[in-house]
């Protein structure tokens, strides 16, 4: 869902021992870092294929705009994908489900040389519908068996990077994501198998970074607020919870050479559901 031309690098943290991400890294982190556009340009991609005779269509569009002085940059992207359900063994049940997704987003960058800072703003929206089972021309509750999920995801981020010197800078960031899902998991025309959930999340980050020889030292304060509303009344499930977490961290990234590095850090977190802090 992200054009390859936007990617700068992908960082992978394995396991849950991350001082930088804390409770957001229960099993690890895949951090996708995008790059700024360097020139004006547009592209349109069309990918068409068939799986067991059923079509899969993928259409993508992207365009970048850069001012003459390079201080202001914008990147717009959009993508549409549609796949028809595939029944390979002829048992009237899909082995590969139906898929229809649309996503678009905008990244905006602006340099402020007089202030020694840089602003980045991003917005994206993703909608996706997946369904497996049979009788795809009927509503899910009229099928013999159906698993369906309809997702709408809206995200907004803002980040300010301030360079105090060539070796010292800090950044302030805010991210807000709101995920909404409507689901159906049931069989035998069960009208009670519908569910719905809503999951807004806000994340605030304040971080300072300093380069001292082979050491890159980072420290900061983070806050995460999350609300989960989930209802599946047919299964007796109704959740309406809120969570808050504060995190204070310090990290040292030592680069010995191009091959070897050592990363060490410590984090103190305070979660609204826990009496004691987490170290």
Protein backbone atom coordinates (compact mmCIF):
# COMPACT_ATOMS: atom_id res chain seq x y z
CA UNK A 1 0.00 0.00 0.00
CA UNK A 2 3.07 2.26 0.02
CA UNK A 3 4.80 3.03 -3.32
CA UNK A 4 8.37 1.75 -3.43
CA UNK A 5 9.57 5.18 -4.61
CA UNK A 6 8.58 6.62 -1.21
CA UNK A 7 10.71 4.19 0.82
CA UNK A 8 13.98 5.32 2.34
CA UNK A 9 14.64 2.31 4.55
CA UNK A 10 12.90 -0.34 6.64
CA UNK A 11 14.04 -0.99 10.20
CA UNK A 12 13.26 -4.31 11.90
CA UNK A 13 13.44 -4.78 15.67
CA UNK A 14 12.96 -8.41 16.73
CA UNK A 15 11.46 -9.24 20.10
CA UNK A 16 9.86 -7.05 22.73
CA UNK A 17 12.99 -5.61 24.34
CA UNK A 18 12.93 -2.20 22.67
CA UNK A 19 13.65 0.79 24.87
CA UNK A 20 12.60 3.17 22.10
CA UNK A 21 9.15 1.66 21.39
CA UNK A 22 8.25 0.11 24.76
CA UNK A 23 4.74 -1.30 24.97
CA UNK A 24 4.22 -0.66 21.25
CA UNK A 25 6.73 -3.45 20.50
CA UNK A 26 5.23 -6.52 22.17
CA UNK A 27 6.65 -8.88 19.53
CA UNK A 28 8.86 -6.47 17.60
CA UNK A 29 8.69 -3.49 15.26
CA UNK A 30 8.69 -2.99 11.51
CA UNK A 31 9.41 0.71 11.04
CA UNK A 32 8.83 1.99 7.50
CA UNK A 33 10.71 5.25 6.91
CA UNK A 34 9.72 7.29 3.86
CA UNK A 35 11.97 9.64 1.93
CA UNK A 36 11.38 13.13 0.61
CA UNK A 37 10.78 13.60 -3.13
CA UNK A 38 13.72 15.14 -5.00
CA UNK A 39 12.09 16.14 -8.29
CA UNK A 40 8.74 16.67 -10.00
CA UNK A 41 7.17 13.65 -11.63
CA UNK A 42 4.10 11.45 -11.97
CA UNK A 43 3.49 7.79 -12.72
CA UNK A 44 0.54 5.50 -13.34
CA UNK A 45 0.85 1.73 -12.81
CA UNK A 46 -1.54 -1.01 -13.95
CA UNK A 47 -1.07 -4.63 -12.92
CA UNK A 48 -3.47 -7.31 -14.16
CA UNK A 49 -3.35 -11.04 -13.55
CA UNK A 50 -5.61 -14.06 -13.15
CA UNK A 51 -5.72 -16.71 -10.44
CA UNK A 52 -7.49 -19.90 -11.59
CA UNK A 53 -9.29 -17.75 -14.16
CA UNK A 54 -10.40 -15.10 -11.65
CA UNK A 55 -9.06 -11.57 -12.23
CA UNK A 56 -6.93 -9.48 -9.91
CA UNK A 57 -6.52 -5.79 -10.78
CA UNK A 58 -4.12 -3.34 -9.16
CA UNK A 59 -3.96 0.33 -10.23
CA UNK A 60 -1.61 2.86 -8.65
CA UNK A 61 -0.94 6.58 -9.14
CA UNK A 62 1.68 8.83 -7.59
CA UNK A 63 2.95 12.34 -8.17
CA UNK A 64 5.60 14.50 -6.53
CA UNK A 65 5.99 18.27 -6.50
CA UNK A 66 9.15 20.16 -5.49
CA UNK A 67 9.63 23.92 -5.48
CA UNK A 68 12.60 25.44 -7.33
CA UNK A 69 14.52 26.14 -4.14
CA UNK A 70 13.72 22.65 -2.79
CA UNK A 71 12.33 23.95 0.49
CA UNK A 72 8.76 22.72 -0.07
CA UNK A 73 7.90 19.22 -1.26
CA UNK A 74 4.74 17.17 -1.66
CA UNK A 75 4.00 13.54 -2.50
CA UNK A 76 0.53 12.26 -3.38
CA UNK A 77 -0.28 8.59 -3.91
CA UNK A 78 -3.39 6.49 -4.52
CA UNK A 79 -4.00 2.79 -5.09
CA UNK A 80 -6.94 0.56 -6.00
CA UNK A 81 -6.94 -3.23 -5.82
CA UNK A 82 -9.71 -5.72 -6.55
CA UNK A 83 -9.65 -9.53 -6.52
CA UNK A 84 -12.51 -11.91 -7.19
CA UNK A 85 -12.94 -14.97 -4.92
CA UNK A 86 -11.21 -18.14 -6.10
CA UNK A 87 -12.60 -21.67 -5.61
CA UNK A 88 -9.78 -24.00 -6.66
CA UNK A 89 -11.14 -27.43 -5.67
CA UNK A 90 -14.76 -26.86 -6.74
CA UNK A 91 -16.40 -27.30 -3.31
CA UNK A 92 -18.26 -23.97 -3.62
CA UNK A 93 -16.07 -22.43 -0.87
CA UNK A 94 -13.34 -19.92 -1.59
CA UNK A 95 -9.70 -20.82 -1.02
CA UNK A 96 -8.74 -17.20 -1.78
CA UNK A 97 -11.25 -14.62 -0.61
CA UNK A 98 -12.73 -11.56 -2.23
CA UNK A 99 -10.73 -8.35 -1.83
CA UNK A 100 -11.41 -4.73 -2.62
CA UNK A 101 -9.20 -1.94 -1.26
CA UNK A 102 -8.62 1.74 -1.90
CA UNK A 103 -6.00 3.91 -0.25
CA UNK A 104 -4.57 7.36 -0.79
CA UNK A 105 -2.29 9.71 1.09
CA UNK A 106 -0.36 12.96 1.04
CA UNK A 107 3.07 13.77 2.48
CA UNK A 108 4.09 17.41 2.84
CA UNK A 109 7.57 18.68 3.75
CA UNK A 110 8.74 22.23 4.39
CA UNK A 111 12.17 23.50 5.45
CA UNK A 112 12.56 26.62 7.60
CA UNK A 113 16.25 27.56 7.17
CA UNK A 114 15.92 30.64 9.34
CA UNK A 115 14.68 28.55 12.24
CA UNK A 116 16.90 25.56 11.56
CA UNK A 117 13.87 23.31 11.48
CA UNK A 118 11.81 21.09 9.23
CA UNK A 119 8.08 20.30 9.23
CA UNK A 120 6.47 17.12 7.95
CA UNK A 121 2.72 16.51 7.68
CA UNK A 122 1.05 13.33 6.46
CA UNK A 123 -2.49 12.14 5.89
CA UNK A 124 -3.71 8.79 4.62
CA UNK A 125 -6.94 6.83 4.32
CA UNK A 126 -7.25 3.10 3.74
CA UNK A 127 -10.46 1.19 3.08
CA UNK A 128 -10.47 -2.55 2.62
CA UNK A 129 -13.15 -5.24 2.30
CA UNK A 130 -12.29 -8.93 2.58
CA UNK A 131 -14.67 -11.84 2.48
CA UNK A 132 -14.38 -15.62 2.31
CA UNK A 133 -16.94 -18.42 2.20
CA UNK A 134 -19.60 -18.79 -0.47
CA UNK A 135 -22.60 -17.07 -2.10
CA UNK A 136 -20.76 -13.80 -2.60
CA UNK A 137 -23.72 -12.27 -4.44
CA UNK A 138 -25.74 -12.37 -1.18
CA UNK A 139 -25.24 -10.57 2.17
CA UNK A 140 -22.96 -12.46 4.57
CA UNK A 141 -25.83 -13.70 6.75
CA UNK A 142 -27.52 -15.30 3.72
CA UNK A 143 -24.44 -17.40 2.87
CA UNK A 144 -23.90 -20.93 4.19
CA UNK A 145 -20.67 -19.70 5.75
CA UNK A 146 -18.98 -16.31 5.62
CA UNK A 147 -16.04 -14.49 7.12
CA UNK A 148 -16.06 -10.80 6.22
CA UNK A 149 -14.29 -7.70 7.47
CA UNK A 150 -14.80 -4.13 6.28
CA UNK A 151 -12.04 -1.77 7.51
CA UNK A 152 -11.74 2.03 7.34
CA UNK A 153 -8.50 3.54 8.56
CA UNK A 154 -7.72 7.27 8.81
CA UNK A 155 -4.31 8.52 9.89
CA UNK A 156 -2.79 11.95 10.49
CA UNK A 157 0.79 12.70 11.58
CA UNK A 158 2.83 15.81 12.21
CA UNK A 159 6.53 16.10 13.00
CA UNK A 160 8.90 18.98 13.72
CA UNK A 161 12.68 18.46 13.56
CA UNK A 162 14.84 21.14 15.13
CA UNK A 163 18.60 21.18 14.49
CA UNK A 164 20.46 22.81 17.37
CA UNK A 165 23.85 22.04 15.79
CA UNK A 166 25.34 19.61 13.31
CA UNK A 167 25.49 16.96 16.06
CA UNK A 168 22.46 17.78 18.18
CA UNK A 169 18.79 17.86 17.19
CA UNK A 170 15.39 17.08 18.64
CA UNK A 171 11.99 16.26 17.22
CA UNK A 172 8.41 16.60 18.35
CA UNK A 173 5.76 14.36 16.80
CA UNK A 174 2.08 13.57 17.02
CA UNK A 175 0.20 10.74 15.34
CA UNK A 176 -3.50 9.98 15.32
CA UNK A 177 -5.06 6.88 13.80
CA UNK A 178 -8.71 5.86 13.91
CA UNK A 179 -9.58 2.33 12.79
CA UNK A 180 -13.18 1.22 12.30
CA UNK A 181 -14.21 -2.32 11.40
CA UNK A 182 -17.46 -4.10 10.65
CA UNK A 183 -17.22 -7.89 10.74
CA UNK A 184 -19.22 -11.05 10.19
CA UNK A 185 -18.04 -14.50 11.25
CA UNK A 186 -20.80 -17.07 11.11
CA UNK A 187 -22.67 -19.87 9.37
CA UNK A 188 -26.22 -21.17 8.85
CA UNK A 189 -27.67 -17.69 8.18
CA UNK A 190 -26.86 -16.45 11.68
CA UNK A 191 -28.00 -12.83 12.01
CA UNK A 192 -26.24 -12.50 15.37
CA UNK A 193 -22.74 -13.04 13.94
CA UNK A 194 -22.17 -9.38 13.06
CA UNK A 195 -19.70 -7.27 15.00
CA UNK A 196 -18.25 -3.77 15.01
CA UNK A 197 -15.20 -2.14 16.53
CA UNK A 198 -13.61 1.28 16.78
CA UNK A 199 -10.01 1.89 17.85
CA UNK A 200 -8.69 5.49 17.95
CA UNK A 201 -5.04 5.88 19.01
CA UNK A 202 -2.99 9.00 19.68
CA UNK A 203 0.78 8.98 20.10
CA UNK A 204 2.99 11.86 21.23
CA UNK A 205 6.78 11.77 20.97
CA UNK A 206 9.48 14.14 22.24
CA UNK A 207 13.04 13.06 21.52
CA UNK A 208 16.54 14.54 21.53
CA UNK A 209 19.50 13.00 19.72
CA UNK A 210 23.18 13.76 20.04
CA UNK A 211 26.19 12.47 18.10
CA UNK A 212 29.44 12.07 20.05
CA UNK A 213 32.10 10.22 18.12
CA UNK A 214 30.88 6.68 17.56
CA UNK A 215 27.93 7.19 19.90
CA UNK A 216 24.42 8.31 18.93
CA UNK A 217 22.64 8.99 22.22
CA UNK A 218 18.85 9.38 22.23
CA UNK A 219 16.49 10.24 25.04
CA UNK A 220 12.87 11.20 25.19
CA UNK A 221 9.37 11.16 26.61
CA UNK A 222 6.41 9.44 24.93
CA UNK A 223 2.67 9.18 25.52
CA UNK A 224 0.14 6.80 24.04
CA UNK A 225 -3.62 7.00 24.50
CA UNK A 226 -5.95 4.36 23.10
CA UNK A 227 -9.64 3.52 23.22
CA UNK A 228 -11.17 0.21 22.16
CA UNK A 229 -14.88 -0.26 21.48
CA UNK A 230 -15.78 -3.74 20.29
CA UNK A 231 -19.25 -5.24 20.06
CA UNK A 232 -20.32 -8.73 18.98
CA UNK A 233 -23.58 -9.14 20.83
CA UNK A 234 -24.29 -12.55 19.32
CA UNK A 235 -21.25 -13.87 21.15
CA UNK A 236 -21.89 -11.88 24.33
CA UNK A 237 -18.88 -9.62 23.80
CA UNK A 238 -18.94 -5.91 24.48
CA UNK A 239 -15.73 -4.00 25.27
CA UNK A 240 -15.34 -0.30 25.96
CA UNK A 241 -11.91 0.39 27.47
CA UNK A 242 -9.37 3.19 27.47
CA UNK A 243 -5.63 2.93 28.08
CA UNK A 244 -2.86 5.44 28.74
CA UNK A 245 0.88 4.89 28.84
CA UNK A 246 3.81 7.19 29.54
CA UNK A 247 7.34 6.19 28.64
CA UNK A 248 10.76 7.70 29.43
CA UNK A 249 13.76 6.22 27.62
CA UNK A 250 17.51 6.57 27.08
CA UNK A 251 19.38 4.77 24.32
CA UNK A 252 22.98 4.58 23.02
CA UNK A 253 23.74 3.36 19.50
CA UNK A 254 27.46 2.67 19.09
CA UNK A 255 28.83 2.15 15.56
CA UNK A 256 32.22 0.41 15.74
CA UNK A 257 32.53 0.15 11.95
CA UNK A 258 30.35 -0.56 8.90
CA UNK A 259 29.68 -4.11 10.10
CA UNK A 260 29.41 -4.04 13.90
CA UNK A 261 27.19 -1.96 16.15
CA UNK A 262 25.95 -2.16 19.73
CA UNK A 263 22.57 -0.83 20.82
CA UNK A 264 21.80 -0.46 24.53
CA UNK A 265 18.91 1.28 26.22
CA UNK A 266 16.67 1.54 29.26
CA UNK A 267 13.01 2.52 29.49
CA UNK A 268 10.64 3.37 32.32
CA UNK A 269 6.95 3.03 31.46
CA UNK A 270 3.79 3.76 33.40
CA UNK A 271 0.57 2.09 32.18
CA UNK A 272 -2.91 2.99 33.38
CA UNK A 273 -3.82 -0.65 34.08
CA UNK A 274 -0.70 -1.47 36.09
CA UNK A 275 0.03 -0.39 39.65
CA UNK A 276 3.80 -0.64 39.29
CA UNK A 277 6.00 0.94 36.62
CA UNK A 278 7.63 -1.24 33.98
CA UNK A 279 11.43 -1.10 33.52
